[in-house]
Amino acid sequence: MRRTGYLGISLLLILVFGVLTVSGFAAQAAAQAGQARVPQAKTPAEYNAYKAVFDEQTPAKKAELGEKFLTDFKDSDLIANTYTMIIGSYTKAQNWAKVMDAAERAVALPTADDKLKGYAYANAMIAAQNTNNVDKVISYGEKVLAIDPDDLNTMITLSAVIPAKLPADAAGKKAALDKAEGLATKAMAGVTGMAAKATAEQKPQLAQIEGNLHSTLGLIAYNRPDYQKSIQEYELAIKSTPKDDVAHFYLGLDHQAIAAQASKDYQAAVKAENDAKASRADQPTIDDLAAKRAGLEGDIRNSRDKAIDELAIATAIGGPVAAQAKDALTKLWMAKNDNTTGLEEFINQKKQQLSQ
């Protein structure tokens, strides 16, 4: 399944332009565009138009003034700076189509440097993420990392999105998962380093980001499939974000998959025990096989009950995976009880626990 909505927990760096002195805003604009020479307006009209864009605080109006500046002053030295403001304003206004359009125009500028391109691609990646366009998220994200391989926000975003659209072939799938895991692991190291220096106010957000990175690593492991590793990662995730419905959902699927594998092993153990009895094997051999079969019975029940518990929590949270969780939960509940009696009461118990 696809996981979306990372904008709220990622480390977005959105430029905020304040009211500066005449010399101050020109110098800051030059720094933001990564230019060694301070760009200058050629005429008073150009200067006033640019200052109007710079000083405007309303995102939609700022973008509108910026677009007008581009139209009116096509040869301005301030074009790159203006694109930075336009892209940032469209991002703040959550006008995702306009973000991507402006970013594409900005990077096509003959004068566009890596700083402008990186900023444009990073915002375009977030815009693509918010429109659930996985291909564009990956494309823009890879362009950011080509410019800055250590961009933390991009590593967080890409590692989470890559598992949402894996190649069908085994080799391609493995390569994609390896890439996502490498990015998530590197991002985790970066976040951990930030957390060590963070203020008390910053630590909760960083803890949430760590939780989401553990969720990403859990999803990667689930797709390998390495269900035990996936469980470890998702359990770490819910320590930071206890009401992460997706983490609880996948924990349920992990335990369900382990129960399914144990069921196959159980059938093989039953056959081996019956074959040993039929061939009149010695009693110690039969006893060992019986103990193995009984142990697998316990493993199946234990994993099934854990799956039911986690799926009930995911259902109770009521997030985007609630319907899928409820469907999987109902099937397991029926397999255990032969009916759905008590299911709604069980879900309500989880809701009460979550509210405490």
Protein backbone atom coordinates (compact mmCIF):
# COMPACT_ATOMS: atom_id res chain seq x y z
CA MET A 1 0.00 0.00 0.00
CA ARG A 2 1.07 3.59 -0.46
CA ARG A 3 1.96 5.78 2.44
CA THR A 4 1.49 9.49 1.95
CA GLY A 5 1.32 12.67 4.00
CA TYR A 6 4.96 13.11 5.08
CA LEU A 7 4.90 16.84 4.55
CA GLY A 8 3.88 17.47 8.12
CA ILE A 9 6.85 15.67 9.65
CA SER A 10 9.63 16.33 7.20
CA LEU A 11 12.38 18.89 7.60
CA LEU A 12 11.17 21.41 5.04
CA LEU A 13 13.24 24.56 4.79
CA ILE A 14 10.97 27.24 3.34
CA LEU A 15 12.45 30.67 2.79
CA VAL A 16 10.76 33.44 4.75
CA PHE A 17 11.37 36.94 3.43
CA GLY A 18 11.14 39.81 5.87
CA VAL A 19 11.11 43.57 5.49
CA LEU A 20 14.74 44.66 5.12
CA THR A 21 16.55 47.82 4.22
CA VAL A 22 17.11 48.60 0.55
CA SER A 23 20.69 47.31 0.64
CA GLY A 24 19.77 44.44 2.94
CA PHE A 25 17.17 42.78 0.78
CA ALA A 26 19.42 42.88 -2.29
CA ALA A 27 22.29 41.29 -0.39
CA GLN A 28 20.07 38.57 1.08
CA ALA A 29 18.59 37.83 -2.33
CA ALA A 30 22.07 37.38 -3.73
CA ALA A 31 22.99 34.99 -0.93
CA GLN A 32 19.81 32.97 -1.43
CA ALA A 33 20.55 32.59 -5.12
CA GLY A 34 24.12 31.57 -4.41
CA GLN A 35 25.57 34.40 -6.51
CA ALA A 36 28.97 35.93 -5.87
CA ARG A 37 27.89 39.28 -7.34
CA VAL A 38 25.00 41.16 -5.80
CA PRO A 39 22.31 41.38 -8.52
CA GLN A 40 21.18 44.90 -9.22
CA ALA A 41 18.05 46.44 -10.68
CA LYS A 42 18.75 48.37 -13.86
CA THR A 43 15.98 50.94 -13.43
CA PRO A 44 13.91 52.42 -10.62
CA ALA A 45 10.81 50.68 -12.01
CA GLU A 46 12.54 47.30 -11.88
CA TYR A 47 13.81 48.03 -8.38
CA ASN A 48 10.38 49.01 -7.09
CA ALA A 49 8.72 46.00 -8.71
CA TYR A 50 11.25 43.62 -7.18
CA LYS A 51 10.99 45.25 -3.76
CA ALA A 52 7.20 44.84 -3.95
CA VAL A 53 7.65 41.09 -4.47
CA PHE A 54 10.23 40.87 -1.72
CA ASP A 55 8.15 42.76 0.85
CA GLU A 56 4.81 41.01 0.14
CA GLN A 57 3.82 38.61 2.94
CA THR A 58 0.73 36.93 1.48
CA PRO A 59 1.94 33.85 -0.46
CA ALA A 60 -0.59 34.00 -3.30
CA LYS A 61 -0.07 37.73 -3.82
CA LYS A 62 3.71 37.35 -3.58
CA ALA A 63 3.64 34.69 -6.30
CA GLU A 64 1.38 36.89 -8.45
CA LEU A 65 3.74 39.86 -8.15
CA GLY A 66 6.70 37.60 -8.86
CA GLU A 67 5.13 36.26 -12.04
CA LYS A 68 4.39 39.82 -13.16
CA PHE A 69 8.01 40.76 -12.49
CA LEU A 70 9.19 37.91 -14.73
CA THR A 71 6.92 39.16 -17.51
CA ASP A 72 7.86 42.81 -17.19
CA PHE A 73 11.62 42.44 -16.68
CA LYS A 74 12.76 39.49 -18.80
CA ASP A 75 16.42 40.58 -18.80
CA SER A 76 16.68 41.34 -15.10
CA ASP A 77 19.61 40.12 -13.01
CA LEU A 78 17.01 39.38 -10.32
CA ILE A 79 15.17 36.65 -12.26
CA ALA A 80 16.72 33.76 -10.29
CA ASN A 81 15.95 35.42 -6.95
CA THR A 82 12.40 36.07 -8.09
CA TYR A 83 11.91 32.42 -9.02
CA THR A 84 13.06 31.44 -5.53
CA MET A 85 10.40 33.66 -4.01
CA ILE A 86 7.72 32.45 -6.44
CA ILE A 87 8.42 28.76 -5.75
CA GLY A 88 8.48 29.35 -2.01
CA SER A 89 5.21 31.26 -2.15
CA TYR A 90 3.43 28.58 -4.18
CA THR A 91 4.66 26.00 -1.67
CA LYS A 92 3.31 28.00 1.27
CA ALA A 93 0.01 28.42 -0.57
CA GLN A 94 -0.02 24.65 -1.27
CA ASN A 95 -0.61 25.32 -4.95
CA TRP A 96 1.19 22.14 -5.94
CA ALA A 97 0.67 22.34 -9.70
CA LYS A 98 2.12 25.85 -9.73
CA VAL A 99 5.08 24.75 -7.60
CA MET A 100 6.07 22.13 -10.15
CA ASP A 101 5.49 24.47 -13.08
CA ALA A 102 7.58 27.26 -11.57
CA ALA A 103 10.32 24.81 -10.59
CA GLU A 104 10.56 23.46 -14.14
CA ARG A 105 10.81 27.00 -15.51
CA ALA A 106 13.43 27.97 -12.94
CA VAL A 107 15.79 25.07 -13.61
CA ALA A 108 15.56 25.75 -17.34
CA LEU A 109 17.07 29.22 -16.86
CA PRO A 110 20.51 29.56 -18.50
CA THR A 111 21.65 31.28 -15.30
CA ALA A 112 20.23 28.68 -12.91
CA ASP A 113 22.90 27.45 -10.50
CA ASP A 114 22.86 24.38 -8.25
CA LYS A 115 21.43 26.33 -5.31
CA LEU A 116 18.39 27.43 -7.31
CA LYS A 117 18.01 24.03 -8.95
CA GLY A 118 18.24 22.23 -5.62
CA TYR A 119 15.64 24.52 -4.07
CA ALA A 120 13.33 24.18 -7.08
CA TYR A 121 13.59 20.39 -7.25
CA ALA A 122 13.12 20.00 -3.48
CA ASN A 123 9.90 22.00 -3.52
CA ALA A 124 8.71 20.21 -6.66
CA MET A 125 9.32 16.89 -4.90
CA ILE A 126 7.11 17.95 -2.00
CA ALA A 127 4.47 19.15 -4.47
CA ALA A 128 4.53 15.79 -6.27
CA GLN A 129 4.27 14.00 -2.93
CA ASN A 130 1.18 15.98 -2.02
CA THR A 131 -0.44 15.05 -5.33
CA ASN A 132 0.49 11.36 -4.85
CA ASN A 133 2.62 11.33 -8.00
CA VAL A 134 5.19 8.74 -6.97
CA ASP A 135 7.13 8.82 -10.25
CA LYS A 136 7.65 12.58 -10.02
CA VAL A 137 8.56 12.41 -6.33
CA ILE A 138 11.32 9.96 -7.17
CA SER A 139 12.44 11.90 -10.24
CA TYR A 140 12.65 15.24 -8.44
CA GLY A 141 14.19 13.68 -5.36
CA GLU A 142 16.94 12.02 -7.35
CA LYS A 143 17.73 15.39 -8.96
CA VAL A 144 18.06 16.97 -5.52
CA LEU A 145 20.43 14.23 -4.36
CA ALA A 146 22.49 14.58 -7.52
CA ILE A 147 23.15 18.16 -6.38
CA ASP A 148 23.32 17.50 -2.63
CA PRO A 149 23.69 13.81 -1.67
CA ASP A 150 23.25 14.69 2.02
CA ASP A 151 19.92 16.54 1.74
CA LEU A 152 18.10 15.14 4.76
CA ASN A 153 14.54 15.98 3.77
CA THR A 154 14.99 14.34 0.38
CA MET A 155 16.47 11.18 1.88
CA ILE A 156 13.52 10.94 4.29
CA THR A 157 11.00 11.48 1.50
CA LEU A 158 12.54 9.21 -1.12
CA SER A 159 13.17 6.32 1.25
CA ALA A 160 9.49 6.39 2.22
CA VAL A 161 8.16 6.71 -1.33
CA ILE A 162 10.33 4.20 -3.21
CA PRO A 163 8.64 1.14 -1.59
CA ALA A 164 5.27 2.47 -2.80
CA LYS A 165 6.10 1.59 -6.41
CA LEU A 166 8.52 -1.31 -6.60
CA PRO A 167 9.62 -2.96 -9.87
CA ALA A 168 7.96 -6.28 -10.65
CA ASP A 169 11.19 -8.18 -11.35
CA ALA A 170 13.13 -9.58 -8.41
CA ALA A 171 16.42 -7.87 -9.26
CA GLY A 172 14.78 -4.48 -9.76
CA LYS A 173 12.77 -4.85 -6.56
CA LYS A 174 15.87 -5.72 -4.55
CA ALA A 175 17.81 -2.79 -5.99
CA ALA A 176 14.97 -0.38 -5.16
CA LEU A 177 14.65 -1.70 -1.61
CA ASP A 178 18.41 -1.55 -1.12
CA LYS A 179 18.38 2.07 -2.28
CA ALA A 180 15.48 2.98 0.01
CA GLU A 181 17.15 1.27 2.96
CA GLY A 182 20.43 3.06 2.33
CA LEU A 183 18.68 6.44 2.22
CA ALA A 184 16.61 5.73 5.34
CA THR A 185 19.65 4.52 7.28
CA LYS A 186 21.67 7.58 6.29
CA ALA A 187 18.76 9.85 7.16
CA MET A 188 18.37 8.14 10.53
CA ALA A 189 22.02 8.86 11.32
CA GLY A 190 21.46 12.50 10.39
CA VAL A 191 18.34 12.83 12.52
CA THR A 192 20.04 11.10 15.45
CA GLY A 193 22.90 13.58 15.20
CA MET A 194 20.45 16.48 15.18
CA ALA A 195 18.57 15.06 18.17
CA ALA A 196 21.77 15.02 20.22
CA LYS A 197 22.03 18.80 19.77
CA ALA A 198 18.31 19.63 19.75
CA THR A 199 16.49 21.86 22.18
CA ALA A 200 13.64 20.56 24.30
CA GLU A 201 11.18 22.13 21.86
CA GLN A 202 12.80 20.42 18.85
CA LYS A 203 13.10 16.93 20.31
CA PRO A 204 9.41 15.89 19.90
CA GLN A 205 9.45 16.63 16.17
CA LEU A 206 12.74 14.81 15.72
CA ALA A 207 11.36 11.84 17.67
CA GLN A 208 8.39 11.77 15.30
CA ILE A 209 10.73 11.84 12.31
CA GLU A 210 12.74 8.98 13.81
CA GLY A 211 9.50 7.06 14.25
CA ASN A 212 8.58 7.57 10.62
CA LEU A 213 12.03 6.44 9.50
CA HIS A 214 11.58 3.26 11.55
CA SER A 215 8.24 2.82 9.78
CA THR A 216 10.01 3.21 6.45
CA LEU A 217 12.57 0.57 7.43
CA GLY A 218 9.69 -1.64 8.59
CA LEU A 219 7.99 -1.35 5.21
CA ILE A 220 11.24 -2.11 3.42
CA ALA A 221 11.73 -5.24 5.52
CA TYR A 222 8.09 -6.26 4.94
CA ASN A 223 8.65 -6.12 1.19
CA ARG A 224 11.83 -8.22 1.28
CA PRO A 225 10.10 -10.16 3.04
CA ASP A 226 11.81 -10.18 6.44
CA TYR A 227 8.87 -10.15 8.83
CA GLN A 228 10.86 -10.35 12.06
CA LYS A 229 12.98 -7.34 11.06
CA SER A 230 9.81 -5.51 9.99
CA ILE A 231 8.27 -6.16 13.41
CA GLN A 232 11.36 -4.79 15.16
CA GLU A 233 11.27 -1.58 13.13
CA TYR A 234 7.52 -1.01 13.48
CA GLU A 235 7.68 -1.59 17.23
CA LEU A 236 10.35 1.12 17.42
CA ALA A 237 8.12 3.34 15.29
CA ILE A 238 5.12 3.13 17.59
CA LYS A 239 7.26 4.01 20.60
CA SER A 240 7.61 7.45 19.01
CA THR A 241 4.19 7.58 17.36
CA PRO A 242 1.82 5.26 19.29
CA LYS A 243 -1.17 6.20 17.13
CA ASP A 244 0.52 5.50 13.80
CA ASP A 245 -2.25 3.46 12.18
CA VAL A 246 -0.04 2.36 9.27
CA ALA A 247 2.61 0.98 11.63
CA HIS A 248 0.01 -0.99 13.57
CA PHE A 249 -1.53 -2.21 10.31
CA TYR A 250 1.77 -3.57 9.02
CA LEU A 251 2.58 -5.07 12.40
CA GLY A 252 -0.68 -6.98 12.04
CA LEU A 253 0.27 -8.11 8.54
CA ASP A 254 3.74 -9.16 9.77
CA HIS A 255 2.29 -11.35 12.51
CA GLN A 256 -0.32 -12.72 10.10
CA ALA A 257 2.42 -13.68 7.62
CA ILE A 258 4.41 -15.39 10.38
CA ALA A 259 1.28 -17.30 11.43
CA ALA A 260 0.72 -18.37 7.81
CA GLN A 261 4.28 -19.68 7.56
CA ALA A 262 3.89 -21.47 10.90
CA SER A 263 0.71 -23.08 9.55
CA LYS A 264 2.67 -24.55 6.62
CA ASP A 265 5.33 -25.80 8.99
CA TYR A 266 2.59 -27.23 11.21
CA GLN A 267 1.10 -29.23 8.34
CA ALA A 268 4.55 -30.62 7.56
CA ALA A 269 5.06 -31.47 11.24
CA VAL A 270 1.72 -33.28 11.44
CA LYS A 271 2.63 -35.33 8.37
CA ALA A 272 6.06 -36.14 9.77
CA GLU A 273 4.52 -37.26 13.08
CA ASN A 274 1.90 -39.41 11.35
CA ASP A 275 4.50 -40.94 9.05
CA ALA A 276 6.67 -41.78 12.04
CA LYS A 277 3.76 -43.50 13.78
CA ALA A 278 2.83 -45.39 10.63
CA SER A 279 6.38 -46.64 10.18
CA ARG A 280 6.55 -47.63 13.88
CA ALA A 281 9.45 -45.28 14.64
CA ASP A 282 10.95 -45.38 18.12
CA GLN A 283 9.02 -43.53 20.81
CA PRO A 284 11.63 -40.80 21.45
CA THR A 285 11.46 -39.85 17.75
CA ILE A 286 7.67 -39.74 17.83
CA ASP A 287 7.75 -37.70 21.04
CA ASP A 288 10.14 -35.15 19.50
CA LEU A 289 7.92 -34.80 16.44
CA ALA A 290 4.83 -34.42 18.63
CA ALA A 291 6.56 -31.71 20.67
CA LYS A 292 7.50 -29.86 17.49
CA ARG A 293 3.92 -30.06 16.23
CA ALA A 294 2.55 -28.79 19.56
CA GLY A 295 5.07 -25.95 19.61
CA LEU A 296 3.99 -24.86 16.15
CA GLU A 297 0.35 -24.90 17.28
CA GLY A 298 1.29 -22.44 20.01
CA ASP A 299 3.26 -20.29 17.56
CA ILE A 300 0.27 -20.07 15.23
CA ARG A 301 -2.10 -19.02 18.02
CA ASN A 302 0.37 -16.51 19.40
CA SER A 303 1.08 -14.86 16.02
CA ARG A 304 -2.60 -14.88 15.06
CA ASP A 305 -3.60 -13.21 18.33
CA LYS A 306 -0.89 -10.56 17.92
CA ALA A 307 -2.11 -9.90 14.38
CA ILE A 308 -5.68 -9.52 15.63
CA ASP A 309 -4.54 -7.12 18.33
CA GLU A 310 -2.54 -4.88 15.98
CA LEU A 311 -5.20 -4.85 13.28
CA ALA A 312 -7.82 -3.93 15.88
CA ILE A 313 -5.66 -1.00 16.99
CA ALA A 314 -5.23 0.15 13.38
CA THR A 315 -9.01 -0.10 12.93
CA ALA A 316 -9.68 1.80 16.15
CA ILE A 317 -7.35 4.66 15.20
CA GLY A 318 -9.52 5.24 12.15
CA GLY A 319 -6.83 6.50 9.76
CA PRO A 320 -6.45 5.92 6.03
CA VAL A 321 -5.83 2.17 6.43
CA ALA A 322 -8.79 1.56 8.79
CA ALA A 323 -10.94 -0.13 6.14
CA GLN A 324 -8.13 -2.48 5.06
CA ALA A 325 -7.31 -3.24 8.68
CA LYS A 326 -10.96 -3.98 9.48
CA ASP A 327 -11.25 -6.36 6.52
CA ALA A 328 -8.12 -8.30 7.50
CA LEU A 329 -9.17 -8.27 11.16
CA THR A 330 -12.63 -9.66 10.39
CA LYS A 331 -11.16 -12.58 8.44
CA LEU A 332 -8.78 -13.50 11.26
CA TRP A 333 -11.52 -13.09 13.87
CA MET A 334 -13.77 -15.43 11.87
CA ALA A 335 -10.96 -17.96 11.49
CA LYS A 336 -10.47 -17.97 15.25
CA ASN A 337 -14.09 -17.79 16.45
CA ASP A 338 -16.23 -18.98 13.50
CA ASN A 339 -18.31 -15.78 13.85
CA THR A 340 -17.95 -12.04 14.42
CA THR A 341 -19.49 -12.00 17.88
CA GLY A 342 -17.51 -9.68 20.13
CA LEU A 343 -15.52 -8.10 17.33
CA GLU A 344 -16.98 -4.60 17.65
CA GLU A 345 -16.62 -4.72 21.42
CA PHE A 346 -12.96 -5.67 20.99
CA ILE A 347 -12.38 -2.71 18.64
CA ASN A 348 -14.11 -0.39 21.12
CA GLN A 349 -11.80 -1.63 23.87
CA LYS A 350 -8.85 -0.57 21.71
CA LYS A 351 -10.42 2.84 21.17
CA GLN A 352 -10.78 3.30 24.91
CA GLN A 353 -7.17 2.27 25.49
CA LEU A 354 -5.97 4.73 22.88
CA SER A 355 -7.87 7.57 24.51
CA GLN A 356 -6.26 7.03 27.90
